[in-house]
Protein backbone atom coordinates (compact mmCIF):
# COMPACT_ATOMS: atom_id res chain seq x y z
CA MET A 1 -44.11 -90.62 349.36
CA ASN A 2 -45.38 -87.66 351.27
CA LEU A 3 -44.59 -84.05 350.85
CA GLY A 4 -41.52 -83.78 353.04
CA GLU A 5 -40.05 -87.19 351.38
CA LYS A 6 -40.66 -85.43 347.88
CA VAL A 7 -38.58 -82.12 348.90
CA ARG A 8 -35.73 -84.44 350.01
CA PHE A 9 -36.14 -86.49 346.84
CA ILE A 10 -35.72 -83.09 344.92
CA ARG A 11 -32.78 -82.09 347.01
CA LYS A 12 -30.90 -85.26 346.57
CA SER A 13 -31.78 -85.77 342.78
CA ASN A 14 -30.05 -82.39 342.45
CA GLU A 15 -27.09 -83.66 344.60
CA LEU A 16 -27.27 -80.88 347.24
CA ASN A 17 -26.93 -80.77 350.94
CA GLN A 18 -29.64 -79.25 353.17
CA LYS A 19 -27.47 -76.08 353.38
CA GLU A 20 -27.10 -75.64 349.75
CA PHE A 21 -30.71 -76.56 349.11
CA SER A 22 -32.01 -74.32 351.75
CA VAL A 23 -30.20 -71.36 350.09
CA ARG A 24 -31.55 -72.08 346.84
CA ILE A 25 -35.03 -72.10 348.11
CA GLU A 26 -34.72 -69.46 350.54
CA VAL A 27 -35.42 -71.03 353.69
CA SER A 28 -33.49 -71.88 356.76
CA GLN A 29 -31.70 -74.99 356.99
CA GLY A 30 -33.60 -76.02 360.09
CA THR A 31 -36.88 -75.19 358.33
CA LEU A 32 -35.91 -77.46 355.33
CA SER A 33 -35.03 -80.61 358.11
CA ASP A 34 -38.53 -79.92 359.41
CA ILE A 35 -40.15 -79.86 356.15
CA GLU A 36 -38.16 -82.98 355.11
CA ARG A 37 -39.34 -84.84 358.35
CA GLY A 38 -42.81 -83.89 357.94
CA VAL A 39 -42.55 -81.75 361.16
CA CYS A 40 -44.07 -78.60 359.26
CA LEU A 41 -45.21 -78.13 355.74
CA PRO A 42 -43.51 -75.65 353.31
CA SER A 43 -44.92 -72.36 352.61
CA CYS A 44 -46.48 -71.15 349.32
CA GLU A 45 -43.36 -69.18 348.74
CA THR A 46 -41.13 -72.20 349.14
CA ILE A 47 -43.32 -74.33 347.08
CA ILE A 48 -43.24 -71.92 344.35
CA ALA A 49 -39.42 -71.64 344.65
CA LEU A 50 -39.20 -75.65 344.24
CA ARG A 51 -41.40 -75.21 341.13
CA ASN A 52 -39.32 -72.43 339.44
CA LYS A 53 -35.81 -73.39 340.67
CA PHE A 54 -36.01 -77.10 340.21
CA LYS A 55 -38.78 -77.37 337.58
CA CYS A 56 -40.77 -79.89 339.69
CA ASP A 57 -44.47 -80.57 338.71
CA LEU A 58 -46.84 -79.15 341.41
CA ASN A 59 -49.45 -81.76 340.69
CA TRP A 60 -46.74 -84.13 341.51
CA LEU A 61 -45.55 -82.56 344.73
CA LEU A 62 -48.86 -81.63 346.35
CA THR A 63 -50.97 -84.77 345.62
CA ASP A 64 -50.60 -88.54 345.45
CA ASP A 65 -51.56 -88.55 341.67
CA VAL A 66 -49.14 -91.68 340.42
CA GLU A 67 -49.49 -90.41 336.88
CA SER A 68 -47.81 -87.23 337.62
CA SER A 69 -44.11 -86.93 337.49
CA PHE A 70 -41.35 -85.01 339.38
CA ILE A 71 -40.16 -83.17 336.18
CA GLN A 72 -42.65 -80.73 334.55
CA THR A 73 -44.09 -81.99 331.38
CA ASP A 74 -42.70 -79.76 328.98
CA VAL A 75 -39.49 -81.61 329.20
CA SER A 76 -39.35 -84.58 326.50
CA ASN A 77 -38.43 -88.21 327.11
CA GLU A 78 -34.97 -87.67 325.33
CA GLU A 79 -34.19 -84.65 327.54
CA LEU A 80 -35.15 -86.74 330.82
CA GLU A 81 -33.05 -89.57 329.35
CA LEU A 82 -29.87 -86.99 328.53
CA LEU A 83 -30.19 -85.54 331.88
CA ASP A 84 -29.87 -89.00 333.51
CA SER A 85 -26.86 -89.60 331.39
CA ILE A 86 -25.10 -86.41 332.14
CA ARG A 87 -25.80 -87.06 336.13
CA SER A 88 -24.03 -90.45 335.76
CA LEU A 89 -20.98 -89.06 334.47
CA PRO A 90 -17.87 -88.15 336.59
CA ALA A 91 -17.35 -84.24 337.26
CA ARG A 92 -14.53 -83.89 334.70
CA GLU A 93 -16.34 -85.69 331.98
CA LYS A 94 -19.50 -83.32 332.62
CA ASN A 95 -17.20 -80.41 332.29
CA GLU A 96 -15.80 -81.73 328.81
CA LEU A 97 -19.29 -82.27 327.93
CA PHE A 98 -20.54 -78.84 328.78
CA GLU A 99 -17.38 -77.45 326.70
CA ILE A 100 -18.44 -79.42 323.52
CA ILE A 101 -22.14 -78.07 324.17
CA HIS A 102 -20.96 -74.36 324.32
CA ILE A 103 -18.86 -74.98 320.95
CA LYS A 104 -21.87 -76.38 319.27
CA LEU A 105 -24.02 -73.38 320.55
CA ARG A 106 -21.46 -70.81 319.36
CA LYS A 107 -21.29 -72.70 315.99
CA ASN A 108 -25.22 -72.66 315.67
CA LYS A 109 -25.38 -68.84 316.51
CA TYR A 110 -22.22 -67.95 314.19
CA PRO A 111 -22.40 -70.81 311.47
CA PHE A 112 -19.66 -69.15 309.10
CA THR A 113 -16.92 -68.70 311.67
CA ASP A 114 -14.99 -72.04 311.14
């Protein structure tokens, strides 16, 4: 997978269209299209934005190292599995799950408020 294909993979993995993704990484939609098609390479600032905003591993992004993965290594296998599970849910169920998570977080922050 070349660099442009990896950028497209990151965008599609996050279920974003080119316009939404280009806003997040602060490039024009035309530039993003050129990057994805391999017409041009992303700037250093764009690569840093990809790392910071989408938590992609720079070694994976910039090399052909098959041992590297898309996600930074500080994410556990359980967290990756949870992320995959959440992504497979319909939007309504994702929202319900987020509500449950917020309840759990509040409960852990204030354990004696039941």
